[in-house]
N, C-alpha and C. Protein backbone atom coordinates (compact mmCIF):
# COMPACT_ATOMS: atom_id res chain seq x y z
N UNK A 1 0.88 -0.80 -0.22
CA UNK A 1 -0.17 0.27 -0.34
C UNK A 1 0.57 1.15 0.00
N UNK A 2 2.12 1.18 0.50
CA UNK A 2 2.73 2.28 1.08
C UNK A 2 3.17 2.76 -0.54
N UNK A 3 4.04 1.60 -1.56
CA UNK A 3 4.50 2.01 -2.84
C UNK A 3 3.15 2.34 -3.51
N UNK A 4 1.97 1.70 -3.67
CA UNK A 4 1.16 2.23 -4.70
C UNK A 4 0.33 3.65 -4.29
N UNK A 5 0.13 4.09 -2.21
CA UNK A 5 0.44 5.52 -1.97
C UNK A 5 1.12 6.80 -2.62
N UNK A 6 2.57 5.83 -3.05
CA UNK A 6 3.45 7.19 -3.26
C UNK A 6 3.15 7.49 -4.37
N UNK A 7 2.40 6.79 -5.07
CA UNK A 7 2.75 7.30 -7.00
C UNK A 7 1.59 6.47 -7.40
N UNK A 8 1.36 7.82 -8.69
CA UNK A 8 -0.09 7.83 -9.24
C UNK A 8 -0.33 6.89 -10.91
N UNK A 9 0.80 6.27 -10.70
CA UNK A 9 0.79 5.50 -12.06
C UNK A 9 0.03 3.89 -11.52
N UNK A 10 -0.53 3.29 -12.65
CA UNK A 10 -0.81 2.05 -12.41
C UNK A 10 0.40 1.12 -12.18
N UNK A 11 0.27 -0.30 -11.35
CA UNK A 11 1.36 -0.58 -11.28
C UNK A 11 0.70 -2.32 -11.37
N UNK A 12 1.64 -3.11 -12.54
CA UNK A 12 1.02 -3.85 -13.08
C UNK A 12 1.87 -5.09 -12.13
N UNK A 13 1.30 -6.58 -11.87
CA UNK A 13 1.65 -7.48 -10.93
C UNK A 13 2.99 -7.75 -10.70
N UNK A 14 3.36 -7.93 -11.65
CA UNK A 14 4.92 -7.57 -12.33
C UNK A 14 5.67 -7.32 -11.65
N UNK A 15 5.27 -5.98 -11.79
CA UNK A 15 6.06 -4.81 -11.49
C UNK A 15 6.03 -4.63 -10.19
N UNK A 16 4.92 -4.54 -9.84
CA UNK A 16 4.74 -4.35 -7.95
C UNK A 16 5.47 -5.69 -7.60
N UNK A 17 5.40 -6.73 -8.07
CA UNK A 17 6.71 -7.66 -7.13
C UNK A 17 8.09 -7.55 -7.70
N UNK A 18 8.47 -7.16 -8.64
CA UNK A 18 9.60 -6.79 -8.90
C UNK A 18 10.14 -5.90 -7.36
N UNK A 19 9.40 -4.84 -7.43
CA UNK A 19 9.31 -3.89 -6.35
C UNK A 19 9.60 -4.52 -5.06
N UNK A 20 9.00 -5.49 -4.74
CA UNK A 20 8.48 -5.46 -3.28
C UNK A 20 9.30 -7.07 -2.92
N UNK A 21 10.35 -7.45 -4.56
CA UNK A 21 11.15 -8.85 -4.15
C UNK A 21 10.33 -9.65 -3.53
N UNK A 22 9.35 -10.20 -4.53
CA UNK A 22 8.74 -11.42 -4.70
C UNK A 22 8.09 -11.82 -5.72
N UNK A 23 6.96 -12.57 -5.68
CA UNK A 23 6.65 -13.44 -7.25
C UNK A 23 5.27 -12.53 -7.34
N UNK A 24 4.96 -12.33 -8.52
CA UNK A 24 4.15 -11.95 -9.54
C UNK A 24 2.60 -12.46 -8.72
N UNK A 25 2.98 -14.00 -8.67
CA UNK A 25 1.75 -14.39 -8.28
C UNK A 25 1.26 -14.16 -6.75
N UNK A 26 2.22 -13.67 -5.85
CA UNK A 26 1.21 -13.98 -4.41
C UNK A 26 1.35 -12.20 -4.28
N UNK A 27 1.19 -11.69 -5.33
CA UNK A 27 0.80 -10.29 -5.55
C UNK A 27 -0.48 -10.12 -5.34
N UNK A 28 -1.35 -11.05 -6.35
CA UNK A 28 -2.74 -10.96 -5.87
C UNK A 28 -3.51 -11.53 -4.91
N UNK A 29 -2.99 -12.41 -4.23
CA UNK A 29 -3.06 -12.79 -2.51
C UNK A 29 -2.92 -11.70 -1.51
N UNK A 30 -2.27 -10.97 -1.72
CA UNK A 30 -1.75 -10.09 -1.11
C UNK A 30 -2.69 -8.76 -0.94
N UNK A 31 -2.82 -8.31 -2.00
CA UNK A 31 -3.74 -7.22 -2.77
C UNK A 31 -4.92 -7.62 -2.75
N UNK A 32 -5.77 -8.57 -2.96
CA UNK A 32 -6.99 -8.82 -3.00
C UNK A 32 -7.86 -8.55 -1.77
N UNK A 33 -7.25 -8.61 -0.29
CA UNK A 33 -7.69 -8.27 0.84
C UNK A 33 -7.53 -6.73 0.96
N UNK A 34 -7.04 -5.90 0.26
CA UNK A 34 -6.57 -4.65 0.27
C UNK A 34 -7.69 -3.92 -0.82
N UNK A 35 -7.75 -4.87 -1.89
CA UNK A 35 -8.62 -4.13 -3.00
C UNK A 35 -10.22 -4.24 -2.08
N UNK A 36 -10.47 -5.59 -1.21
CA UNK A 36 -12.22 -5.74 -0.71
C UNK A 36 -12.17 -4.74 0.84
N UNK A 37 -10.95 -4.52 0.84
CA UNK A 37 -11.08 -3.15 2.05
C UNK A 37 -11.70 -1.68 1.29
N UNK A 38 -11.39 -2.01 -0.21
CA UNK A 38 -11.17 -0.43 -0.51
C UNK A 38 -10.39 0.09 -0.59
N UNK A 39 -9.17 -0.21 -0.06
CA UNK A 39 -7.69 0.79 -0.15
C UNK A 39 -7.11 0.81 -0.95
N UNK A 40 -7.37 0.01 -2.16
CA UNK A 40 -6.45 -0.37 -3.21
C UNK A 40 -7.96 -0.45 -4.46
N UNK A 41 -7.33 -0.41 -5.85
CA UNK A 41 -7.97 -0.54 -6.81
C UNK A 41 -7.21 -1.08 -7.74
N UNK A 42 -8.38 -2.11 -8.29
CA UNK A 42 -7.54 -3.02 -9.50
C UNK A 42 -8.31 -3.33 -10.21
N UNK A 43 -7.47 -2.84 -11.60
CA UNK A 43 -8.02 -2.21 -13.01
C UNK A 43 -7.77 -3.70 -13.77
N UNK A 44 -8.88 -4.07 -13.96
CA UNK A 44 -8.33 -5.23 -15.12
C UNK A 44 -8.15 -5.02 -16.67
N UNK A 45 -7.18 -5.99 -17.27
CA UNK A 45 -6.74 -5.72 -18.38
C UNK A 45 -5.47 -4.87 -19.15
N UNK A 46 -5.08 -5.12 -20.45
CA UNK A 46 -3.82 -4.55 -20.93
C UNK A 46 -3.48 -3.47 -20.21
N UNK A 47 -4.54 -2.34 -20.11
CA UNK A 47 -3.53 -1.16 -19.55
C UNK A 47 -3.97 -0.92 -18.18
N UNK A 48 -4.29 -1.84 -17.48
CA UNK A 48 -4.83 -1.81 -15.61
C UNK A 48 -3.64 -2.10 -14.97
N UNK A 49 -3.95 -2.48 -13.80
CA UNK A 49 -2.99 -2.58 -12.91
C UNK A 49 -3.49 -2.34 -11.62
N UNK A 50 -3.00 -1.86 -10.12
CA UNK A 50 -3.35 -1.36 -8.91
C UNK A 50 -2.75 0.28 -9.03
N UNK A 51 -3.79 0.73 -8.14
CA UNK A 51 -3.45 1.66 -7.55
C UNK A 51 -3.86 2.42 -6.36
N UNK A 52 -3.64 2.85 -5.41
CA UNK A 52 -4.13 3.46 -4.21
C UNK A 52 -5.38 3.80 -4.16
N UNK A 53 -6.21 3.90 -3.12
CA UNK A 53 -7.55 4.37 -3.75
C UNK A 53 -7.86 5.12 -2.44
N UNK A 54 -6.89 5.11 -1.44
CA UNK A 54 -6.39 6.00 0.11
C UNK A 54 -5.68 6.50 0.63
N UNK A 55 -5.93 7.80 1.06
CA UNK A 55 -4.65 8.37 1.66
C UNK A 55 -4.04 7.66 2.49
N UNK A 56 -2.75 7.15 2.91
CA UNK A 56 -1.90 6.45 3.75
C UNK A 56 -1.96 6.99 5.32
N UNK A 57 -2.69 8.19 5.62
CA UNK A 57 -2.85 8.50 6.82
C UNK A 57 -4.10 8.19 7.03
N UNK A 58 -4.89 7.71 6.20
CA UNK A 58 -6.34 7.00 6.75
C UNK A 58 -6.36 5.61 7.28
N UNK A 59 -5.27 4.77 6.99
CA UNK A 59 -5.10 3.16 7.35
C UNK A 59 -3.79 3.53 8.10
N UNK A 60 -4.00 1.99 9.22
CA UNK A 60 -3.07 1.98 10.14
C UNK A 60 -2.24 1.12 9.90
N UNK A 61 -1.34 0.58 10.34
CA UNK A 61 -0.62 -0.89 9.96
C UNK A 61 -0.66 -1.94 10.61
N UNK A 62 -1.84 -1.66 11.69
CA UNK A 62 -2.91 -2.80 12.25
C UNK A 62 -3.58 -3.22 11.48
N UNK A 63 -5.07 -2.49 10.36
CA UNK A 63 -5.41 -2.61 9.80
C UNK A 63 -5.02 -3.25 8.83
N UNK A 64 -3.84 -2.80 7.96
CA UNK A 64 -3.71 -3.65 7.15
C UNK A 64 -3.25 -5.20 7.32
N UNK A 65 -2.86 -5.26 8.61
CA UNK A 65 -2.27 -6.75 8.70
C UNK A 65 -3.57 -7.70 8.76
N UNK A 66 -4.39 -6.77 9.82
CA UNK A 66 -5.56 -7.58 9.49
C UNK A 66 -6.36 -7.89 8.54
N UNK A 67 -5.93 -7.23 8.13
CA UNK A 67 -7.02 -7.07 6.78
C UNK A 67 -6.54 -8.45 5.59
N UNK A 68 -5.01 -8.33 5.79
CA UNK A 68 -4.63 -9.71 5.42
C UNK A 68 -4.29 -11.01 5.80
N UNK A 69 -3.65 -10.48 7.30
CA UNK A 69 -3.91 -12.20 7.92
C UNK A 69 -5.33 -12.25 8.67
N UNK A 70 -6.55 -11.79 8.84
CA UNK A 70 -6.82 -11.86 9.72
C UNK A 70 -6.73 -11.36 11.31
N UNK A 71 -7.60 -11.53 11.89
CA UNK A 71 -7.68 -11.15 13.35
C UNK A 71 -6.59 -11.29 14.29
N UNK A 72 -5.73 -10.79 14.27
CA UNK A 72 -4.34 -11.00 15.35
C UNK A 72 -5.19 -11.13 16.63
N UNK A 73 -5.67 -10.85 17.30
CA UNK A 73 -6.31 -11.48 18.46
C UNK A 73 -7.26 -13.08 18.41
N UNK A 74 -6.62 -14.29 18.28
CA UNK A 74 -7.09 -15.08 18.05
C UNK A 74 -7.27 -15.79 19.33
N UNK A 75 -6.69 -15.39 20.57
CA UNK A 75 -7.17 -16.00 21.88
C UNK A 75 -7.13 -17.21 22.59
N UNK A 76 -5.34 -17.20 21.75
CA UNK A 76 -4.74 -18.56 21.93
C UNK A 76 -3.85 -18.11 23.19
N UNK A 77 -3.53 -19.20 24.19
CA UNK A 77 -2.79 -19.40 25.07
C UNK A 77 -1.11 -19.46 24.28
N UNK A 78 0.20 -18.41 24.69
CA UNK A 78 1.54 -18.08 23.83
C UNK A 78 1.84 -19.22 24.63
N UNK A 79 1.73 -19.93 25.50
CA UNK A 79 2.44 -21.30 26.01
C UNK A 79 2.12 -22.36 25.40
N UNK A 80 0.48 -22.55 25.82
CA UNK A 80 0.46 -23.90 25.75
C UNK A 80 -0.73 -23.66 24.64
N UNK A 81 -0.82 -25.07 23.95
CA UNK A 81 -2.09 -24.93 22.53
C UNK A 81 -3.38 -25.45 23.31
N UNK A 82 -3.81 -23.93 23.58
CA UNK A 82 -5.22 -23.91 24.07
C UNK A 82 -5.65 -22.67 24.05
N UNK A 83 -7.32 -22.48 24.41
CA UNK A 83 -7.65 -21.37 24.54
C UNK A 83 -6.95 -20.45 25.71
N UNK A 84 -7.23 -19.10 25.40
CA UNK A 84 -6.72 -18.24 26.41
C UNK A 84 -7.93 -18.15 27.39
N UNK A 85 -7.92 -18.29 28.77
CA UNK A 85 -8.91 -18.62 29.88
C UNK A 85 -8.48 -19.36 30.83
N UNK A 86 -9.61 -19.63 31.74
CA UNK A 86 -9.76 -20.65 32.85
C UNK A 86 -7.97 -20.37 33.52
N UNK A 87 -7.05 -21.39 34.09
CA UNK A 87 -5.84 -21.05 34.52
C UNK A 87 -4.91 -20.13 33.89
N UNK A 88 -4.37 -19.02 34.41
CA UNK A 88 -3.48 -18.35 33.10
C UNK A 88 -2.20 -18.84 33.17
N UNK A 89 -1.41 -19.06 32.11
CA UNK A 89 -0.04 -19.29 32.12
C UNK A 89 0.93 -18.49 32.63
N UNK A 90 1.90 -19.20 32.85
CA UNK A 90 3.21 -18.45 33.62
C UNK A 90 3.10 -17.16 32.97
N UNK A 91 3.04 -16.36 31.55
CA UNK A 91 3.21 -15.79 30.75
C UNK A 91 1.91 -14.49 30.34
N UNK A 92 1.05 -15.04 30.75
CA UNK A 92 0.27 -14.55 30.70
C UNK A 92 -0.09 -12.97 30.91
N UNK A 93 0.43 -12.84 32.50
CA UNK A 93 0.15 -11.12 32.02
C UNK A 93 1.00 -10.59 31.49
N UNK A 94 2.25 -10.62 31.44
CA UNK A 94 3.49 -10.13 30.69
C UNK A 94 3.23 -10.23 29.61
N UNK A 95 2.53 -11.52 28.90
CA UNK A 95 2.30 -11.12 27.23
C UNK A 95 0.93 -10.29 27.15
N UNK A 96 0.05 -10.38 27.62
CA UNK A 96 -1.08 -9.69 27.65
C UNK A 96 -0.97 -8.20 27.21
N UNK A 97 0.37 -7.74 28.47
CA UNK A 97 0.40 -6.50 28.80
C UNK A 97 1.05 -6.41 27.31
N UNK A 98 2.53 -6.89 26.66
CA UNK A 98 3.15 -6.79 25.60
C UNK A 98 2.30 -6.89 24.13
N UNK A 99 1.11 -7.52 24.37
CA UNK A 99 0.68 -7.62 23.21
C UNK A 99 -0.66 -6.72 22.95
N UNK A 100 -1.14 -6.02 24.11
CA UNK A 100 -1.73 -4.65 24.21
C UNK A 100 -1.34 -3.18 23.63
N UNK A 101 0.36 -3.24 24.04
CA UNK A 101 1.06 -2.26 23.59
C UNK A 101 1.62 -2.58 22.48
N UNK A 102 1.51 -3.58 21.52
CA UNK A 102 2.09 -3.80 20.00
C UNK A 102 0.86 -3.36 19.38
N UNK A 103 -0.36 -3.72 19.54
CA UNK A 103 -1.29 -4.03 19.19
C UNK A 103 -1.71 -2.16 18.88
N UNK A 104 -2.05 -1.41 20.45
CA UNK A 104 -2.01 0.03 20.35
C UNK A 104 -1.30 0.86 19.22
N UNK A 105 0.16 0.06 19.65
CA UNK A 105 1.24 0.71 18.71
C UNK A 105 1.05 0.54 16.98
N UNK A 106 0.52 -0.60 16.66
CA UNK A 106 0.75 -0.84 15.26
C UNK A 106 -0.49 0.32 14.90
N UNK A 107 -2.01 -0.02 15.73
CA UNK A 107 -3.34 1.28 15.38
C UNK A 107 -2.80 2.37 15.23
N UNK A 108 -2.12 2.57 16.47
CA UNK A 108 -1.83 3.96 16.03
C UNK A 108 -0.94 4.50 15.23
N UNK A 109 -0.48 3.48 14.16
CA UNK A 109 0.77 4.16 13.36
C UNK A 109 -0.05 4.13 11.81
N UNK A 110 -0.21 5.32 11.65
CA UNK A 110 -1.00 5.15 10.43
C UNK A 110 0.38 4.76 8.75
N UNK A 111 0.33 4.39 7.99
CA UNK A 111 0.68 3.73 6.79
C UNK A 111 1.81 5.04 6.63
N UNK A 112 1.54 6.16 6.34
CA UNK A 112 1.82 7.79 6.21
C UNK A 112 3.51 7.87 6.87
N UNK A 113 3.24 6.95 7.86
CA UNK A 113 4.00 7.58 9.35
C UNK A 113 5.72 6.38 8.75
N UNK A 114 5.29 5.29 7.84
CA UNK A 114 6.32 4.54 7.41
C UNK A 114 6.53 4.26 6.00
N UNK A 115 6.13 5.25 5.38
CA UNK A 115 5.87 5.11 3.97
C UNK A 115 7.63 5.91 3.24
N UNK A 116 7.94 6.44 4.05
CA UNK A 116 9.64 6.50 3.75
C UNK A 116 10.75 5.36 3.55
N UNK A 117 10.38 4.25 4.32
CA UNK A 117 10.86 2.45 4.01
C UNK A 117 10.29 1.85 3.19
N UNK A 118 9.50 2.50 2.06
CA UNK A 118 8.61 1.30 1.24
C UNK A 118 9.32 0.33 0.83
N UNK A 119 10.73 0.69 0.20
CA UNK A 119 11.06 -0.61 -0.42
C UNK A 119 12.42 -0.90 0.14
């Protein structure tokens, strides 16, 4: 999104993949949820491509992560393979505090704040 937001041009999947050091096949997997969220336009056809649809200041890092990967609060214990709840694990308090601070920081960080390190 940072790359798309920094340029008015349409980006073909191959060019976007090269700029991001990934494969052209991976680009639609990542950009698809961003299109669905309304943050990226996808124009089909030989003259089409991807363009940014919103200001980078209007979208947080956490929003992008969760649009692509799904909800980050999955309710699982960090120590044992079980639901978090019941008897707290030895890391419950520390992990909960750290996780809350991380999520708040990512939510408070607009993409415009990380735009300098796009590539």
